[in-house]
Amino acid sequence: MSITERVIAIIAEQAVLEPSDVTPESTLEDLGIDSLGLVESIFAIEEEFDITVPFNANEPTASDFDISNVAAIIAGIEKLVSEKV
């Protein structure tokens, strides 16, 4: 399973949707994921990939991690995974 498929599966689970309902263009708002769901998604992603996402749950817009849509989240995860040694 690719990084994209794994991230989409985690986000779909948080949104209580089928992975096929989650597109790269989807925003978390489109998917009905609130701030708590976002935090849970980030934790699940960190656990899945054994990475630390530079994300501050108290100030989501202040972090360097782009959560504007699913494609941006996937790109960020791919970068973090590639930097992991």
PDB file of N, CA and C in Angstrom:
ATOM      1  N   MET A   1       0.853  -1.185   0.000  1.00  0.00           N
ATOM      2  CA  MET A   1       0.000   0.000   0.000  1.00  0.00           C
ATOM      3  C   MET A   1       0.897   1.246   0.000  1.00  0.00           C
ATOM      4  N   SER A   2       0.608   2.173  -0.891  1.00  0.00           N
ATOM      5  CA  SER A   2       1.434   3.374  -1.009  1.00  0.00           C
ATOM      6  C   SER A   2       1.153   4.358   0.131  1.00  0.00           C
ATOM      7  N   ILE A   3       2.032   5.350   0.256  1.00  0.00           N
ATOM      8  CA  ILE A   3       1.825   6.401   1.260  1.00  0.00           C
ATOM      9  C   ILE A   3       0.478   7.068   1.011  1.00  0.00           C
ATOM     10  N   THR A   4       0.186   7.373  -0.250  1.00  0.00           N
ATOM     11  CA  THR A   4      -1.084   8.025  -0.595  1.00  0.00           C
ATOM     12  C   THR A   4      -2.263   7.190  -0.118  1.00  0.00           C
ATOM     13  N   GLU A   5      -2.243   5.904  -0.420  1.00  0.00           N
ATOM     14  CA  GLU A   5      -3.355   5.029  -0.023  1.00  0.00           C
ATOM     15  C   GLU A   5      -3.484   4.946   1.491  1.00  0.00           C
ATOM     16  N   ARG A   6      -2.357   4.885   2.175  1.00  0.00           N
ATOM     17  CA  ARG A   6      -2.389   4.780   3.640  1.00  0.00           C
ATOM     18  C   ARG A   6      -2.910   6.064   4.273  1.00  0.00           C
ATOM     19  N   VAL A   7      -2.460   7.216   3.775  1.00  0.00           N
ATOM     20  CA  VAL A   7      -2.938   8.489   4.319  1.00  0.00           C
ATOM     21  C   VAL A   7      -4.437   8.639   4.043  1.00  0.00           C
ATOM     22  N   ILE A   8      -4.862   8.326   2.834  1.00  0.00           N
ATOM     23  CA  ILE A   8      -6.291   8.435   2.496  1.00  0.00           C
ATOM     24  C   ILE A   8      -7.112   7.498   3.383  1.00  0.00           C
ATOM     25  N   ALA A   9      -6.615   6.292   3.640  1.00  0.00           N
ATOM     26  CA  ALA A   9      -7.334   5.350   4.495  1.00  0.00           C
ATOM     27  C   ALA A   9      -7.504   5.912   5.909  1.00  0.00           C
ATOM     28  N   ILE A  10      -6.437   6.543   6.440  1.00  0.00           N
ATOM     29  CA  ILE A  10      -6.505   7.130   7.792  1.00  0.00           C
ATOM     30  C   ILE A  10      -7.502   8.289   7.815  1.00  0.00           C
ATOM     31  N   ILE A  11      -7.427   9.163   6.819  1.00  0.00           N
ATOM     32  CA  ILE A  11      -8.333  10.310   6.768  1.00  0.00           C
ATOM     33  C   ILE A  11      -9.777   9.839   6.578  1.00  0.00           C
ATOM     34  N   ALA A  12      -9.970   8.859   5.726  1.00  0.00           N
ATOM     35  CA  ALA A  12     -11.322   8.325   5.494  1.00  0.00           C
ATOM     36  C   ALA A  12     -11.888   7.741   6.786  1.00  0.00           C
ATOM     37  N   GLU A  13     -11.047   7.037   7.533  1.00  0.00           N
ATOM     38  CA  GLU A  13     -11.498   6.449   8.796  1.00  0.00           C
ATOM     39  C   GLU A  13     -11.946   7.544   9.766  1.00  0.00           C
ATOM     40  N   GLN A  14     -11.173   8.630   9.856  1.00  0.00           N
ATOM     41  CA  GLN A  14     -11.542   9.745  10.738  1.00  0.00           C
ATOM     42  C   GLN A  14     -12.845  10.391  10.293  1.00  0.00           C
ATOM     43  N   ALA A  15     -13.050  10.462   8.982  1.00  0.00           N
ATOM     44  CA  ALA A  15     -14.242  11.128   8.444  1.00  0.00           C
ATOM     45  C   ALA A  15     -15.433  10.175   8.363  1.00  0.00           C
ATOM     46  N   VAL A  16     -15.221   8.913   8.732  1.00  0.00           N
ATOM     47  CA  VAL A  16     -16.235   7.866   8.623  1.00  0.00           C
ATOM     48  C   VAL A  16     -16.767   7.819   7.181  1.00  0.00           C
ATOM     49  N   LEU A  17     -15.824   7.755   6.251  1.00  0.00           N
ATOM     50  CA  LEU A  17     -16.137   7.655   4.830  1.00  0.00           C
ATOM     51  C   LEU A  17     -15.384   6.471   4.243  1.00  0.00           C
ATOM     52  N   GLU A  18     -15.753   6.111   3.032  1.00  0.00           N
ATOM     53  CA  GLU A  18     -14.984   5.118   2.296  1.00  0.00           C
ATOM     54  C   GLU A  18     -13.758   5.822   1.716  1.00  0.00           C
ATOM     55  N   PRO A  19     -12.608   5.141   1.621  1.00  0.00           N
ATOM     56  CA  PRO A  19     -11.440   5.770   1.003  1.00  0.00           C
ATOM     57  C   PRO A  19     -11.738   6.322  -0.394  1.00  0.00           C
ATOM     58  N   SER A  20     -12.636   5.689  -1.115  1.00  0.00           N
ATOM     59  CA  SER A  20     -12.972   6.163  -2.465  1.00  0.00           C
ATOM     60  C   SER A  20     -13.672   7.522  -2.444  1.00  0.00           C
ATOM     61  N   ASP A  21     -14.192   7.919  -1.271  1.00  0.00           N
ATOM     62  CA  ASP A  21     -14.852   9.225  -1.138  1.00  0.00           C
ATOM     63  C   ASP A  21     -13.851  10.357  -0.882  1.00  0.00           C
ATOM     64  N   VAL A  22     -12.600  10.007  -0.613  1.00  0.00           N
ATOM     65  CA  VAL A  22     -11.571  10.997  -0.288  1.00  0.00           C
ATOM     66  C   VAL A  22     -10.696  11.205  -1.521  1.00  0.00           C
ATOM     67  N   THR A  23     -10.683  12.430  -2.041  1.00  0.00           N
ATOM     68  CA  THR A  23      -9.865  12.736  -3.208  1.00  0.00           C
ATOM     69  C   THR A  23      -8.709  13.656  -2.796  1.00  0.00           C
ATOM     70  N   PRO A  24      -7.658  13.741  -3.607  1.00  0.00           N
ATOM     71  CA  PRO A  24      -6.554  14.647  -3.282  1.00  0.00           C
ATOM     72  C   PRO A  24      -7.008  16.100  -3.141  1.00  0.00           C
ATOM     73  N   GLU A  25      -8.066  16.464  -3.842  1.00  0.00           N
ATOM     74  CA  GLU A  25      -8.550  17.849  -3.781  1.00  0.00           C
ATOM     75  C   GLU A  25      -9.422  18.112  -2.555  1.00  0.00           C
ATOM     76  N   SER A  26      -9.851  17.056  -1.870  1.00  0.00           N
ATOM     77  CA  SER A  26     -10.719  17.221  -0.702  1.00  0.00           C
ATOM     78  C   SER A  26     -10.023  18.024   0.380  1.00  0.00           C
ATOM     79  N   THR A  27     -10.759  18.966   0.965  1.00  0.00           N
ATOM     80  CA  THR A  27     -10.235  19.624   2.161  1.00  0.00           C
ATOM     81  C   THR A  27     -10.795  18.860   3.359  1.00  0.00           C
ATOM     82  N   LEU A  28     -10.171  19.051   4.517  1.00  0.00           N
ATOM     83  CA  LEU A  28     -10.670  18.371   5.715  1.00  0.00           C
ATOM     84  C   LEU A  28     -12.073  18.865   6.031  1.00  0.00           C
ATOM     85  N   GLU A  29     -12.321  20.128   5.747  1.00  0.00           N
ATOM     86  CA  GLU A  29     -13.655  20.699   5.961  1.00  0.00           C
ATOM     87  C   GLU A  29     -14.685  19.999   5.067  1.00  0.00           C
ATOM     88  N   ASP A  30     -14.312  19.776   3.787  1.00  0.00           N
ATOM     89  CA  ASP A  30     -15.204  19.062   2.857  1.00  0.00           C
ATOM     90  C   ASP A  30     -15.591  17.695   3.415  1.00  0.00           C
ATOM     91  N   LEU A  31     -14.624  17.071   4.086  1.00  0.00           N
ATOM     92  CA  LEU A  31     -14.818  15.707   4.582  1.00  0.00           C
ATOM     93  C   LEU A  31     -15.488  15.677   5.954  1.00  0.00           C
ATOM     94  N   GLY A  32     -15.739  16.866   6.516  1.00  0.00           N
ATOM     95  CA  GLY A  32     -16.397  16.933   7.814  1.00  0.00           C
ATOM     96  C   GLY A  32     -15.466  16.638   8.977  1.00  0.00           C
ATOM     97  N   ILE A  33     -14.161  16.831   8.769  1.00  0.00           N
ATOM     98  CA  ILE A  33     -13.197  16.586   9.847  1.00  0.00           C
ATOM     99  C   ILE A  33     -12.968  17.893  10.597  1.00  0.00           C
ATOM    100  N   ASP A  34     -13.279  17.875  11.888  1.00  0.00           N
ATOM    101  CA  ASP A  34     -13.098  19.072  12.715  1.00  0.00           C
ATOM    102  C   ASP A  34     -11.688  19.073  13.307  1.00  0.00           C
ATOM    103  N   SER A  35     -11.413  20.025  14.179  1.00  0.00           N
ATOM    104  CA  SER A  35     -10.059  20.143  14.727  1.00  0.00           C
ATOM    105  C   SER A  35      -9.663  18.905  15.533  1.00  0.00           C
ATOM    106  N   LEU A  36     -10.603  18.321  16.260  1.00  0.00           N
ATOM    107  CA  LEU A  36     -10.287  17.108  17.020  1.00  0.00           C
ATOM    108  C   LEU A  36      -9.994  15.962  16.060  1.00  0.00           C
ATOM    109  N   GLY A  37     -10.787  15.846  15.012  1.00  0.00           N
ATOM    110  CA  GLY A  37     -10.550  14.808  14.006  1.00  0.00           C
ATOM    111  C   GLY A  37      -9.209  14.992  13.324  1.00  0.00           C
ATOM    112  N   LEU A  38      -8.837  16.239  13.113  1.00  0.00           N
ATOM    113  CA  LEU A  38      -7.549  16.543  12.496  1.00  0.00           C
ATOM    114  C   LEU A  38      -6.416  16.069  13.404  1.00  0.00           C
ATOM    115  N   VAL A  39      -6.512  16.390  14.686  1.00  0.00           N
ATOM    116  CA  VAL A  39      -5.480  15.976  15.642  1.00  0.00           C
ATOM    117  C   VAL A  39      -5.389  14.446  15.678  1.00  0.00           C
ATOM    118  N   GLU A  40      -6.545  13.772  15.701  1.00  0.00           N
ATOM    119  CA  GLU A  40      -6.552  12.311  15.720  1.00  0.00           C
ATOM    120  C   GLU A  40      -5.934  11.753  14.436  1.00  0.00           C
ATOM    121  N   SER A  41      -6.220  12.407  13.308  1.00  0.00           N
ATOM    122  CA  SER A  41      -5.637  11.976  12.029  1.00  0.00           C
ATOM    123  C   SER A  41      -4.120  12.113  12.061  1.00  0.00           C
ATOM    124  N   ILE A  42      -3.638  13.255  12.574  1.00  0.00           N
ATOM    125  CA  ILE A  42      -2.190  13.496  12.653  1.00  0.00           C
ATOM    126  C   ILE A  42      -1.530  12.430  13.535  1.00  0.00           C
ATOM    127  N   PHE A  43      -2.150  12.138  14.689  1.00  0.00           N
ATOM    128  CA  PHE A  43      -1.588  11.110  15.578  1.00  0.00           C
ATOM    129  C   PHE A  43      -1.541   9.760  14.869  1.00  0.00           C
ATOM    130  N   ALA A  44      -2.619   9.419  14.167  1.00  0.00           N
ATOM    131  CA  ALA A  44      -2.684   8.132  13.464  1.00  0.00           C
ATOM    132  C   ALA A  44      -1.624   8.065  12.363  1.00  0.00           C
ATOM    133  N   ILE A  45      -1.425   9.171  11.661  1.00  0.00           N
ATOM    134  CA  ILE A  45      -0.416   9.234  10.599  1.00  0.00           C
ATOM    135  C   ILE A  45       0.985   9.092  11.201  1.00  0.00           C
ATOM    136  N   GLU A  46       1.227   9.785  12.310  1.00  0.00           N
ATOM    137  CA  GLU A  46       2.540   9.692  12.969  1.00  0.00           C
ATOM    138  C   GLU A  46       2.831   8.244  13.371  1.00  0.00           C
ATOM    139  N   GLU A  47       1.812   7.584  13.909  1.00  0.00           N
ATOM    140  CA  GLU A  47       1.970   6.202  14.345  1.00  0.00           C
ATOM    141  C   GLU A  47       2.191   5.279  13.145  1.00  0.00           C
ATOM    142  N   GLU A  48       1.399   5.466  12.109  1.00  0.00           N
ATOM    143  CA  GLU A  48       1.474   4.620  10.907  1.00  0.00           C
ATOM    144  C   GLU A  48       2.850   4.683  10.256  1.00  0.00           C
ATOM    145  N   PHE A  49       3.418   5.884  10.176  1.00  0.00           N
ATOM    146  CA  PHE A  49       4.676   6.067   9.445  1.00  0.00           C
ATOM    147  C   PHE A  49       5.893   6.235  10.359  1.00  0.00           C
ATOM    148  N   ASP A  50       5.674   6.213  11.682  1.00  0.00           N
ATOM    149  CA  ASP A  50       6.745   6.394  12.652  1.00  0.00           C
ATOM    150  C   ASP A  50       7.518   7.690  12.371  1.00  0.00           C
ATOM    151  N   ILE A  51       6.741   8.785  12.269  1.00  0.00           N
ATOM    152  CA  ILE A  51       7.316  10.109  12.021  1.00  0.00           C
ATOM    153  C   ILE A  51       6.716  11.087  13.026  1.00  0.00           C
ATOM    154  N   THR A  52       7.285  12.279  13.082  1.00  0.00           N
ATOM    155  CA  THR A  52       6.723  13.354  13.881  1.00  0.00           C
ATOM    156  C   THR A  52       6.316  14.461  12.931  1.00  0.00           C
ATOM    157  N   VAL A  53       5.023  14.771  12.929  1.00  0.00           N
ATOM    158  CA  VAL A  53       4.504  15.817  12.055  1.00  0.00           C
ATOM    159  C   VAL A  53       4.653  17.161  12.768  1.00  0.00           C
ATOM    160  N   PRO A  54       5.295  18.141  12.117  1.00  0.00           N
ATOM    161  CA  PRO A  54       5.482  19.454  12.748  1.00  0.00           C
ATOM    162  C   PRO A  54       4.172  20.224  12.756  1.00  0.00           C
ATOM    163  N   PHE A  55       3.320  19.870  13.709  1.00  0.00           N
ATOM    164  CA  PHE A  55       1.965  20.393  13.740  1.00  0.00           C
ATOM    165  C   PHE A  55       1.605  20.759  15.164  1.00  0.00           C
ATOM    166  N   ASN A  56       1.113  21.972  15.363  1.00  0.00           N
ATOM    167  CA  ASN A  56       0.692  22.404  16.690  1.00  0.00           C
ATOM    168  C   ASN A  56      -0.830  22.407  16.713  1.00  0.00           C
ATOM    169  N   ALA A  57      -1.404  21.488  17.471  1.00  0.00           N
ATOM    170  CA  ALA A  57      -2.860  21.356  17.520  1.00  0.00           C
ATOM    171  C   ALA A  57      -3.538  22.628  18.028  1.00  0.00           C
ATOM    172  N   ASN A  58      -2.820  23.398  18.849  1.00  0.00           N
ATOM    173  CA  ASN A  58      -3.399  24.626  19.380  1.00  0.00           C
ATOM    174  C   ASN A  58      -3.402  25.756  18.354  1.00  0.00           C
ATOM    175  N   GLU A  59      -2.471  25.685  17.416  1.00  0.00           N
ATOM    176  CA  GLU A  59      -2.384  26.707  16.362  1.00  0.00           C
ATOM    177  C   GLU A  59      -2.140  26.037  15.013  1.00  0.00           C
ATOM    178  N   PRO A  60      -3.164  25.344  14.475  1.00  0.00           N
ATOM    179  CA  PRO A  60      -2.963  24.581  13.240  1.00  0.00           C
ATOM    180  C   PRO A  60      -2.450  25.424  12.075  1.00  0.00           C
ATOM    181  N   THR A  61      -2.875  26.665  11.985  1.00  0.00           N
ATOM    182  CA  THR A  61      -2.452  27.495  10.854  1.00  0.00           C
ATOM    183  C   THR A  61      -1.045  28.043  11.046  1.00  0.00           C
ATOM    184  N   ALA A  62      -0.506  27.947  12.259  1.00  0.00           N
ATOM    185  CA  ALA A  62       0.825  28.478  12.534  1.00  0.00           C
ATOM    186  C   ALA A  62       1.919  27.457  12.252  1.00  0.00           C
ATOM    187  N   SER A  63       1.533  26.224  11.957  1.00  0.00           N
ATOM    188  CA  SER A  63       2.558  25.203  11.731  1.00  0.00           C
ATOM    189  C   SER A  63       3.060  25.258  10.298  1.00  0.00           C
ATOM    190  N   ASP A  64       4.219  24.647  10.078  1.00  0.00           N
ATOM    191  CA  ASP A  64       4.799  24.594   8.739  1.00  0.00           C
ATOM    192  C   ASP A  64       4.164  23.493   7.903  1.00  0.00           C
ATOM    193  N   PHE A  65       3.310  22.707   8.525  1.00  0.00           N
ATOM    194  CA  PHE A  65       2.716  21.563   7.836  1.00  0.00           C
ATOM    195  C   PHE A  65       1.427  21.996   7.149  1.00  0.00           C
ATOM    196  N   ASP A  66       1.371  21.832   5.839  1.00  0.00           N
ATOM    197  CA  ASP A  66       0.239  22.286   5.029  1.00  0.00           C
ATOM    198  C   ASP A  66      -0.915  21.289   5.132  1.00  0.00           C
ATOM    199  N   ILE A  67      -2.034  21.749   5.695  1.00  0.00           N
ATOM    200  CA  ILE A  67      -3.215  20.884   5.816  1.00  0.00           C
ATOM    201  C   ILE A  67      -4.359  21.416   4.954  1.00  0.00           C
ATOM    202  N   SER A  68      -4.016  22.168   3.899  1.00  0.00           N
ATOM    203  CA  SER A  68      -5.060  22.811   3.097  1.00  0.00           C
ATOM    204  C   SER A  68      -5.932  21.807   2.355  1.00  0.00           C
ATOM    205  N   ASN A  69      -5.357  20.683   1.933  1.00  0.00           N
ATOM    206  CA  ASN A  69      -6.171  19.628   1.330  1.00  0.00           C
ATOM    207  C   ASN A  69      -5.421  18.303   1.453  1.00  0.00           C
ATOM    208  N   VAL A  70      -6.075  17.235   1.007  1.00  0.00           N
ATOM    209  CA  VAL A  70      -5.508  15.897   1.166  1.00  0.00           C
ATOM    210  C   VAL A  70      -4.176  15.775   0.411  1.00  0.00           C
ATOM    211  N   ALA A  71      -4.102  16.338  -0.796  1.00  0.00           N
ATOM    212  CA  ALA A  71      -2.865  16.261  -1.580  1.00  0.00           C
ATOM    213  C   ALA A  71      -1.703  16.919  -0.836  1.00  0.00           C
ATOM    214  N   ALA A  72      -1.954  18.058  -0.192  1.00  0.00           N
ATOM    215  CA  ALA A  72      -0.908  18.754   0.561  1.00  0.00           C
ATOM    216  C   ALA A  72      -0.455  17.924   1.758  1.00  0.00           C
ATOM    217  N   ILE A  73      -1.396  17.299   2.419  1.00  0.00           N
ATOM    218  CA  ILE A  73      -1.060  16.445   3.565  1.00  0.00           C
ATOM    219  C   ILE A  73      -0.200  15.274   3.092  1.00  0.00           C
ATOM    220  N   ILE A  74      -0.602  14.633   1.988  1.00  0.00           N
ATOM    221  CA  ILE A  74       0.166  13.503   1.451  1.00  0.00           C
ATOM    222  C   ILE A  74       1.576  13.948   1.077  1.00  0.00           C
ATOM    223  N   ALA A  75       1.696  15.095   0.417  1.00  0.00           N
ATOM    224  CA  ALA A  75       3.013  15.604   0.026  1.00  0.00           C
ATOM    225  C   ALA A  75       3.881  15.832   1.261  1.00  0.00           C
ATOM    226  N   GLY A  76       3.288  16.385   2.310  1.00  0.00           N
ATOM    227  CA  GLY A  76       4.026  16.619   3.553  1.00  0.00           C
ATOM    228  C   GLY A  76       4.484  15.326   4.198  1.00  0.00           C
ATOM    229  N   ILE A  77       3.618  14.326   4.200  1.00  0.00           N
ATOM    230  CA  ILE A  77       3.965  13.022   4.785  1.00  0.00           C
ATOM    231  C   ILE A  77       5.084  12.370   3.970  1.00  0.00           C
ATOM    232  N   GLU A  78       4.970  12.433   2.630  1.00  0.00           N
ATOM    233  CA  GLU A  78       6.010  11.841   1.774  1.00  0.00           C
ATOM    234  C   GLU A  78       7.369  12.481   2.049  1.00  0.00           C
ATOM    235  N   LYS A  79       7.363  13.799   2.241  1.00  0.00           N
ATOM    236  CA  LYS A  79       8.611  14.509   2.538  1.00  0.00           C
ATOM    237  C   LYS A  79       9.187  14.055   3.875  1.00  0.00           C
ATOM    238  N   LEU A  80       8.334  13.967   4.899  1.00  0.00           N
ATOM    239  CA  LEU A  80       8.795  13.536   6.220  1.00  0.00           C
ATOM    240  C   LEU A  80       9.322  12.098   6.190  1.00  0.00           C
ATOM    241  N   VAL A  81       8.635  11.231   5.454  1.00  0.00           N
ATOM    242  CA  VAL A  81       9.064   9.839   5.372  1.00  0.00           C
ATOM    243  C   VAL A  81      10.409   9.738   4.642  1.00  0.00           C
ATOM    244  N   SER A  82      10.570  10.538   3.590  1.00  0.00           N
ATOM    245  CA  SER A  82      11.821  10.493   2.828  1.00  0.00           C
ATOM    246  C   SER A  82      13.005  11.031   3.631  1.00  0.00           C
ATOM    247  N   GLU A  83      12.730  11.938   4.569  1.00  0.00           N
ATOM    248  CA  GLU A  83      13.790  12.523   5.401  1.00  0.00           C
ATOM    249  C   GLU A  83      14.148  11.627   6.584  1.00  0.00           C
ATOM    250  N   LYS A  84      13.296  10.661   6.862  1.00  0.00           N
ATOM    251  CA  LYS A  84      13.511   9.779   8.004  1.00  0.00           C
ATOM    252  C   LYS A  84      14.672   8.837   7.692  1.00  0.00           C
ATOM    253  N   VAL A  85      15.592   8.742   8.593  1.00  0.00           N
ATOM    254  CA  VAL A  85      16.762   7.885   8.328  1.00  0.00           C
ATOM    255  C   VAL A  85      16.649   6.604   9.130  1.00  0.00           C
TER     256      VAL A  85
END
